[in-house]
Amino acid sequence: MTATVFLDVPIAGDEYRLDCEEVRIIGNVAWAVREDERDTVVSMSNVTGVKGDTVEQRVEEIDSPGGLFTELLTELS
């Protein structure tokens, strides 16, 4: 299964589209686990769309220097 992130402003020169194994949307960022084994984190303000075959949502506890907090995590693959 694959997911695709579409960008408003390209990264790395002319990349308007990121083909991924999966995409995790956490807060205001999209974390793209790319097919070439590079992870790319993109601000949601630069994302125009995300497409995937499956979508899962869950609330996850995230460790941070200020303590533990919960965040809605959306995964597309």
PDB file of N, CA and C in Angstrom:
ATOM      1  N   MET A   1       0.841  -1.174   0.000  1.00  0.00           N
ATOM      2  CA  MET A   1       0.000   0.000   0.000  1.00  0.00           C
ATOM      3  C   MET A   1       0.886   1.237   0.000  1.00  0.00           C
ATOM      4  N   THR A   2       0.392   2.286  -0.617  1.00  0.00           N
ATOM      5  CA  THR A   2       1.167   3.519  -0.687  1.00  0.00           C
ATOM      6  C   THR A   2       0.271   4.713  -0.393  1.00  0.00           C
ATOM      7  N   ALA A   3       0.926   5.796  -0.068  1.00  0.00           N
ATOM      8  CA  ALA A   3       0.231   7.054   0.167  1.00  0.00           C
ATOM      9  C   ALA A   3       0.981   8.140  -0.599  1.00  0.00           C
ATOM     10  N   THR A   4       0.290   9.226  -0.891  1.00  0.00           N
ATOM     11  CA  THR A   4       0.894  10.338  -1.615  1.00  0.00           C
ATOM     12  C   THR A   4       0.553  11.639  -0.906  1.00  0.00           C
ATOM     13  N   VAL A   5       1.562  12.500  -0.757  1.00  0.00           N
ATOM     14  CA  VAL A   5       1.379  13.837  -0.190  1.00  0.00           C
ATOM     15  C   VAL A   5       1.570  14.837  -1.329  1.00  0.00           C
ATOM     16  N   PHE A   6       0.619  15.736  -1.500  1.00  0.00           N
ATOM     17  CA  PHE A   6       0.692  16.767  -2.529  1.00  0.00           C
ATOM     18  C   PHE A   6       1.032  18.097  -1.858  1.00  0.00           C
ATOM     19  N   LEU A   7       1.995  18.815  -2.417  1.00  0.00           N
ATOM     20  CA  LEU A   7       2.515  20.043  -1.802  1.00  0.00           C
ATOM     21  C   LEU A   7       2.137  21.288  -2.597  1.00  0.00           C
ATOM     22  N   ASP A   8       1.958  22.390  -1.889  1.00  0.00           N
ATOM     23  CA  ASP A   8       1.712  23.690  -2.503  1.00  0.00           C
ATOM     24  C   ASP A   8       3.019  24.278  -3.011  1.00  0.00           C
ATOM     25  N   VAL A   9       4.042  24.298  -2.156  1.00  0.00           N
ATOM     26  CA  VAL A   9       5.369  24.802  -2.501  1.00  0.00           C
ATOM     27  C   VAL A   9       6.309  23.598  -2.551  1.00  0.00           C
ATOM     28  N   PRO A  10       7.054  23.412  -3.636  1.00  0.00           N
ATOM     29  CA  PRO A  10       7.891  22.220  -3.761  1.00  0.00           C
ATOM     30  C   PRO A  10       9.060  22.213  -2.778  1.00  0.00           C
ATOM     31  N   ILE A  11       9.513  21.006  -2.462  1.00  0.00           N
ATOM     32  CA  ILE A  11      10.732  20.863  -1.672  1.00  0.00           C
ATOM     33  C   ILE A  11      11.789  20.230  -2.573  1.00  0.00           C
ATOM     34  N   ALA A  12      13.031  20.375  -2.234  1.00  0.00           N
ATOM     35  CA  ALA A  12      14.147  19.800  -2.995  1.00  0.00           C
ATOM     36  C   ALA A  12      14.064  20.172  -4.479  1.00  0.00           C
ATOM     37  N   GLY A  13      13.786  21.420  -4.750  1.00  0.00           N
ATOM     38  CA  GLY A  13      13.764  21.880  -6.137  1.00  0.00           C
ATOM     39  C   GLY A  13      12.404  21.846  -6.782  1.00  0.00           C
ATOM     40  N   ASP A  14      11.956  20.653  -7.187  1.00  0.00           N
ATOM     41  CA  ASP A  14      10.703  20.589  -7.938  1.00  0.00           C
ATOM     42  C   ASP A  14       9.791  19.451  -7.483  1.00  0.00           C
ATOM     43  N   GLU A  15       9.900  19.027  -6.239  1.00  0.00           N
ATOM     44  CA  GLU A  15       9.047  17.952  -5.729  1.00  0.00           C
ATOM     45  C   GLU A  15       7.723  18.510  -5.204  1.00  0.00           C
ATOM     46  N   TYR A  16       6.674  18.380  -6.009  1.00  0.00           N
ATOM     47  CA  TYR A  16       5.332  18.767  -5.599  1.00  0.00           C
ATOM     48  C   TYR A  16       4.543  17.578  -5.070  1.00  0.00           C
ATOM     49  N   ARG A  17       5.132  16.391  -5.179  1.00  0.00           N
ATOM     50  CA  ARG A  17       4.429  15.162  -4.818  1.00  0.00           C
ATOM     51  C   ARG A  17       5.421  14.232  -4.131  1.00  0.00           C
ATOM     52  N   LEU A  18       5.041  13.691  -2.973  1.00  0.00           N
ATOM     53  CA  LEU A  18       5.880  12.741  -2.254  1.00  0.00           C
ATOM     54  C   LEU A  18       5.176  11.386  -2.245  1.00  0.00           C
ATOM     55  N   ASP A  19       5.763  10.389  -2.886  1.00  0.00           N
ATOM     56  CA  ASP A  19       5.223   9.038  -2.840  1.00  0.00           C
ATOM     57  C   ASP A  19       5.806   8.350  -1.611  1.00  0.00           C
ATOM     58  N   CYS A  20       4.930   7.760  -0.793  1.00  0.00           N
ATOM     59  CA  CYS A  20       5.330   7.273   0.520  1.00  0.00           C
ATOM     60  C   CYS A  20       4.806   5.868   0.782  1.00  0.00           C
ATOM     61  N   GLU A  21       5.462   5.189   1.728  1.00  0.00           N
ATOM     62  CA  GLU A  21       4.932   3.944   2.260  1.00  0.00           C
ATOM     63  C   GLU A  21       3.736   4.271   3.160  1.00  0.00           C
ATOM     64  N   GLU A  22       3.913   5.318   3.986  1.00  0.00           N
ATOM     65  CA  GLU A  22       2.830   5.786   4.846  1.00  0.00           C
ATOM     66  C   GLU A  22       3.058   7.237   5.198  1.00  0.00           C
ATOM     67  N   VAL A  23       1.994   7.895   5.617  1.00  0.00           N
ATOM     68  CA  VAL A  23       2.043   9.281   6.068  1.00  0.00           C
ATOM     69  C   VAL A  23       1.383   9.341   7.432  1.00  0.00           C
ATOM     70  N   ARG A  24       2.043   9.988   8.389  1.00  0.00           N
ATOM     71  CA  ARG A  24       1.477  10.211   9.722  1.00  0.00           C
ATOM     72  C   ARG A  24       1.200  11.698   9.866  1.00  0.00           C
ATOM     73  N   ILE A  25      -0.035  12.036  10.174  1.00  0.00           N
ATOM     74  CA  ILE A  25      -0.390  13.432  10.421  1.00  0.00           C
ATOM     75  C   ILE A  25      -0.523  13.597  11.921  1.00  0.00           C
ATOM     76  N   ILE A  26       0.376  14.399  12.471  1.00  0.00           N
ATOM     77  CA  ILE A  26       0.427  14.643  13.914  1.00  0.00           C
ATOM     78  C   ILE A  26       0.403  16.147  14.116  1.00  0.00           C
ATOM     79  N   GLY A  27      -0.690  16.650  14.674  1.00  0.00           N
ATOM     80  CA  GLY A  27      -0.799  18.092  14.882  1.00  0.00           C
ATOM     81  C   GLY A  27      -0.748  18.836  13.565  1.00  0.00           C
ATOM     82  N   ASN A  28       0.234  19.731  13.424  1.00  0.00           N
ATOM     83  CA  ASN A  28       0.306  20.536  12.203  1.00  0.00           C
ATOM     84  C   ASN A  28       1.438  20.097  11.271  1.00  0.00           C
ATOM     85  N   VAL A  29       1.874  18.824  11.375  1.00  0.00           N
ATOM     86  CA  VAL A  29       2.902  18.309  10.473  1.00  0.00           C
ATOM     87  C   VAL A  29       2.461  16.994   9.844  1.00  0.00           C
ATOM     88  N   ALA A  30       2.973  16.751   8.645  1.00  0.00           N
ATOM     89  CA  ALA A  30       2.799  15.471   7.973  1.00  0.00           C
ATOM     90  C   ALA A  30       4.176  14.816   7.911  1.00  0.00           C
ATOM     91  N   TRP A  31       4.291  13.624   8.475  1.00  0.00           N
ATOM     92  CA  TRP A  31       5.544  12.877   8.505  1.00  0.00           C
ATOM     93  C   TRP A  31       5.445  11.809   7.431  1.00  0.00           C
ATOM     94  N   ALA A  32       6.174  11.978   6.335  1.00  0.00           N
ATOM     95  CA  ALA A  32       6.116  11.071   5.199  1.00  0.00           C
ATOM     96  C   ALA A  32       7.239  10.054   5.295  1.00  0.00           C
ATOM     97  N   VAL A  33       6.885   8.773   5.386  1.00  0.00           N
ATOM     98  CA  VAL A  33       7.856   7.689   5.355  1.00  0.00           C
ATOM     99  C   VAL A  33       7.950   7.278   3.887  1.00  0.00           C
ATOM    100  N   ARG A  34       9.008   7.742   3.237  1.00  0.00           N
ATOM    101  CA  ARG A  34       9.110   7.630   1.783  1.00  0.00           C
ATOM    102  C   ARG A  34       9.588   6.267   1.326  1.00  0.00           C
ATOM    103  N   GLU A  35       9.274   5.947   0.083  1.00  0.00           N
ATOM    104  CA  GLU A  35       9.637   4.655  -0.491  1.00  0.00           C
ATOM    105  C   GLU A  35      11.147   4.485  -0.639  1.00  0.00           C
ATOM    106  N   ASP A  36      11.888   5.597  -0.739  1.00  0.00           N
ATOM    107  CA  ASP A  36      13.349   5.521  -0.853  1.00  0.00           C
ATOM    108  C   ASP A  36      14.021   5.518   0.524  1.00  0.00           C
ATOM    109  N   GLU A  37      13.236   5.230   1.574  1.00  0.00           N
ATOM    110  CA  GLU A  37      13.693   5.097   2.958  1.00  0.00           C
ATOM    111  C   GLU A  37      14.149   6.410   3.582  1.00  0.00           C
ATOM    112  N   ARG A  38      13.760   7.558   3.003  1.00  0.00           N
ATOM    113  CA  ARG A  38      14.010   8.859   3.625  1.00  0.00           C
ATOM    114  C   ARG A  38      12.715   9.322   4.259  1.00  0.00           C
ATOM    115  N   ASP A  39      12.781   9.804   5.488  1.00  0.00           N
ATOM    116  CA  ASP A  39      11.616  10.397   6.133  1.00  0.00           C
ATOM    117  C   ASP A  39      11.638  11.899   5.861  1.00  0.00           C
ATOM    118  N   THR A  40      10.468  12.442   5.566  1.00  0.00           N
ATOM    119  CA  THR A  40      10.347  13.871   5.298  1.00  0.00           C
ATOM    120  C   THR A  40       9.207  14.421   6.139  1.00  0.00           C
ATOM    121  N   VAL A  41       9.464  15.496   6.872  1.00  0.00           N
ATOM    122  CA  VAL A  41       8.443  16.150   7.683  1.00  0.00           C
ATOM    123  C   VAL A  41       8.080  17.466   7.009  1.00  0.00           C
ATOM    124  N   VAL A  42       6.778  17.656   6.766  1.00  0.00           N
ATOM    125  CA  VAL A  42       6.289  18.823   6.043  1.00  0.00           C
ATOM    126  C   VAL A  42       5.202  19.501   6.879  1.00  0.00           C
ATOM    127  N   SER A  43       5.245  20.820   6.955  1.00  0.00           N
ATOM    128  CA  SER A  43       4.194  21.569   7.635  1.00  0.00           C
ATOM    129  C   SER A  43       2.880  21.387   6.883  1.00  0.00           C
ATOM    130  N   MET A  44       1.792  21.206   7.621  1.00  0.00           N
ATOM    131  CA  MET A  44       0.478  21.037   6.990  1.00  0.00           C
ATOM    132  C   MET A  44       0.068  22.274   6.201  1.00  0.00           C
ATOM    133  N   SER A  45       0.654  23.433   6.503  1.00  0.00           N
ATOM    134  CA  SER A  45       0.340  24.641   5.732  1.00  0.00           C
ATOM    135  C   SER A  45       0.858  24.532   4.301  1.00  0.00           C
ATOM    136  N   ASN A  46       1.786  23.615   4.035  1.00  0.00           N
ATOM    137  CA  ASN A  46       2.321  23.398   2.688  1.00  0.00           C
ATOM    138  C   ASN A  46       1.674  22.195   1.995  1.00  0.00           C
ATOM    139  N   VAL A  47       0.782  21.488   2.675  1.00  0.00           N
ATOM    140  CA  VAL A  47       0.145  20.293   2.119  1.00  0.00           C
ATOM    141  C   VAL A  47      -1.197  20.672   1.506  1.00  0.00           C
ATOM    142  N   THR A  48      -1.378  20.326   0.219  1.00  0.00           N
ATOM    143  CA  THR A  48      -2.657  20.599  -0.434  1.00  0.00           C
ATOM    144  C   THR A  48      -3.564  19.375  -0.437  1.00  0.00           C
ATOM    145  N   GLY A  49      -2.990  18.201  -0.177  1.00  0.00           N
ATOM    146  CA  GLY A  49      -3.801  16.992  -0.128  1.00  0.00           C
ATOM    147  C   GLY A  49      -2.960  15.777   0.215  1.00  0.00           C
ATOM    148  N   VAL A  50      -3.643  14.739   0.709  1.00  0.00           N
ATOM    149  CA  VAL A  50      -3.005  13.464   1.022  1.00  0.00           C
ATOM    150  C   VAL A  50      -3.934  12.370   0.533  1.00  0.00           C
ATOM    151  N   LYS A  51      -3.369  11.373  -0.142  1.00  0.00           N
ATOM    152  CA  LYS A  51      -4.170  10.284  -0.673  1.00  0.00           C
ATOM    153  C   LYS A  51      -3.566   8.965  -0.209  1.00  0.00           C
ATOM    154  N   GLY A  52      -4.421   8.021   0.210  1.00  0.00           N
ATOM    155  CA  GLY A  52      -3.954   6.703   0.612  1.00  0.00           C
ATOM    156  C   GLY A  52      -5.059   5.678   0.504  1.00  0.00           C
ATOM    157  N   ASP A  53      -4.681   4.408   0.526  1.00  0.00           N
ATOM    158  CA  ASP A  53      -5.657   3.324   0.433  1.00  0.00           C
ATOM    159  C   ASP A  53      -6.368   3.080   1.761  1.00  0.00           C
ATOM    160  N   THR A  54      -5.635   3.205   2.865  1.00  0.00           N
ATOM    161  CA  THR A  54      -6.236   2.987   4.182  1.00  0.00           C
ATOM    162  C   THR A  54      -5.958   4.184   5.077  1.00  0.00           C
ATOM    163  N   VAL A  55      -6.891   4.465   5.968  1.00  0.00           N
ATOM    164  CA  VAL A  55      -6.752   5.557   6.926  1.00  0.00           C
ATOM    165  C   VAL A  55      -7.077   5.012   8.310  1.00  0.00           C
ATOM    166  N   GLU A  56      -6.170   5.246   9.255  1.00  0.00           N
ATOM    167  CA  GLU A  56      -6.397   4.849  10.647  1.00  0.00           C
ATOM    168  C   GLU A  56      -6.178   6.069  11.531  1.00  0.00           C
ATOM    169  N   GLN A  57      -7.038   6.207  12.540  1.00  0.00           N
ATOM    170  CA  GLN A  57      -6.879   7.295  13.509  1.00  0.00           C
ATOM    171  C   GLN A  57      -6.867   6.716  14.909  1.00  0.00           C
ATOM    172  N   ARG A  58      -6.010   7.303  15.753  1.00  0.00           N
ATOM    173  CA  ARG A  58      -5.958   6.906  17.153  1.00  0.00           C
ATOM    174  C   ARG A  58      -5.344   8.043  17.964  1.00  0.00           C
ATOM    175  N   VAL A  59      -5.610   8.026  19.247  1.00  0.00           N
ATOM    176  CA  VAL A  59      -4.996   8.991  20.151  1.00  0.00           C
ATOM    177  C   VAL A  59      -3.756   8.315  20.721  1.00  0.00           C
ATOM    178  N   GLU A  60      -2.628   9.006  20.638  1.00  0.00           N
ATOM    179  CA  GLU A  60      -1.365   8.432  21.064  1.00  0.00           C
ATOM    180  C   GLU A  60      -0.696   9.344  22.082  1.00  0.00           C
ATOM    181  N   GLU A  61      -0.026   8.735  23.067  1.00  0.00           N
ATOM    182  CA  GLU A  61       0.739   9.505  24.044  1.00  0.00           C
ATOM    183  C   GLU A  61       2.110   9.799  23.464  1.00  0.00           C
ATOM    184  N   ILE A  62       2.534  11.058  23.539  1.00  0.00           N
ATOM    185  CA  ILE A  62       3.807  11.486  22.975  1.00  0.00           C
ATOM    186  C   ILE A  62       4.653  12.089  24.088  1.00  0.00           C
ATOM    187  N   ASP A  63       5.877  11.590  24.204  1.00  0.00           N
ATOM    188  CA  ASP A  63       6.830  12.090  25.184  1.00  0.00           C
ATOM    189  C   ASP A  63       7.444  13.386  24.687  1.00  0.00           C
ATOM    190  N   SER A  64       7.603  14.359  25.565  1.00  0.00           N
ATOM    191  CA  SER A  64       8.251  15.611  25.195  1.00  0.00           C
ATOM    192  C   SER A  64       9.059  16.102  26.388  1.00  0.00           C
ATOM    193  N   PRO A  65       9.954  17.064  26.180  1.00  0.00           N
ATOM    194  CA  PRO A  65      10.746  17.583  27.299  1.00  0.00           C
ATOM    195  C   PRO A  65       9.878  18.156  28.428  1.00  0.00           C
ATOM    196  N   GLY A  66       8.680  18.632  28.106  1.00  0.00           N
ATOM    197  CA  GLY A  66       7.792  19.204  29.105  1.00  0.00           C
ATOM    198  C   GLY A  66       6.894  18.174  29.775  1.00  0.00           C
ATOM    199  N   GLY A  67       6.951  16.926  29.357  1.00  0.00           N
ATOM    200  CA  GLY A  67       6.119  15.883  29.930  1.00  0.00           C
ATOM    201  C   GLY A  67       5.435  15.064  28.847  1.00  0.00           C
ATOM    202  N   LEU A  68       4.391  14.398  29.207  1.00  0.00           N
ATOM    203  CA  LEU A  68       3.659  13.529  28.300  1.00  0.00           C
ATOM    204  C   LEU A  68       2.367  14.216  27.884  1.00  0.00           C
ATOM    205  N   PHE A  69       2.031  14.161  26.590  1.00  0.00           N
ATOM    206  CA  PHE A  69       0.762  14.721  26.143  1.00  0.00           C
ATOM    207  C   PHE A  69       0.124  13.769  25.139  1.00  0.00           C
ATOM    208  N   THR A  70      -1.156  13.963  24.874  1.00  0.00           N
ATOM    209  CA  THR A  70      -1.852  13.116  23.904  1.00  0.00           C
ATOM    210  C   THR A  70      -2.135  13.922  22.643  1.00  0.00           C
ATOM    211  N   GLU A  71      -2.132  13.227  21.520  1.00  0.00           N
ATOM    212  CA  GLU A  71      -2.337  13.864  20.223  1.00  0.00           C
ATOM    213  C   GLU A  71      -3.081  12.884  19.326  1.00  0.00           C
ATOM    214  N   LEU A  72      -3.976  13.400  18.499  1.00  0.00           N
ATOM    215  CA  LEU A  72      -4.642  12.572  17.504  1.00  0.00           C
ATOM    216  C   LEU A  72      -3.650  12.284  16.390  1.00  0.00           C
ATOM    217  N   LEU A  73      -3.466  11.017  16.094  1.00  0.00           N
ATOM    218  CA  LEU A  73      -2.538  10.573  15.046  1.00  0.00           C
ATOM    219  C   LEU A  73      -3.358   9.952  13.926  1.00  0.00           C
ATOM    220  N   THR A  74      -3.158  10.433  12.696  1.00  0.00           N
ATOM    221  CA  THR A  74      -3.824   9.882  11.521  1.00  0.00           C
ATOM    222  C   THR A  74      -2.747   9.266  10.640  1.00  0.00           C
ATOM    223  N   GLU A  75      -2.910   7.984  10.290  1.00  0.00           N
ATOM    224  CA  GLU A  75      -1.968   7.297   9.418  1.00  0.00           C
ATOM    225  C   GLU A  75      -2.651   6.906   8.117  1.00  0.00           C
ATOM    226  N   LEU A  76      -2.020   7.230   7.013  1.00  0.00           N
ATOM    227  CA  LEU A  76      -2.497   6.840   5.687  1.00  0.00           C
ATOM    228  C   LEU A  76      -1.445   5.950   5.058  1.00  0.00           C
ATOM    229  N   SER A  77      -1.888   4.872   4.462  1.00  0.00           N
ATOM    230  CA  SER A  77      -0.948   3.993   3.759  1.00  0.00           C
ATOM    231  C   SER A  77      -1.636   3.399   2.551  1.00  0.00           C
TER     232      SER A  77
END
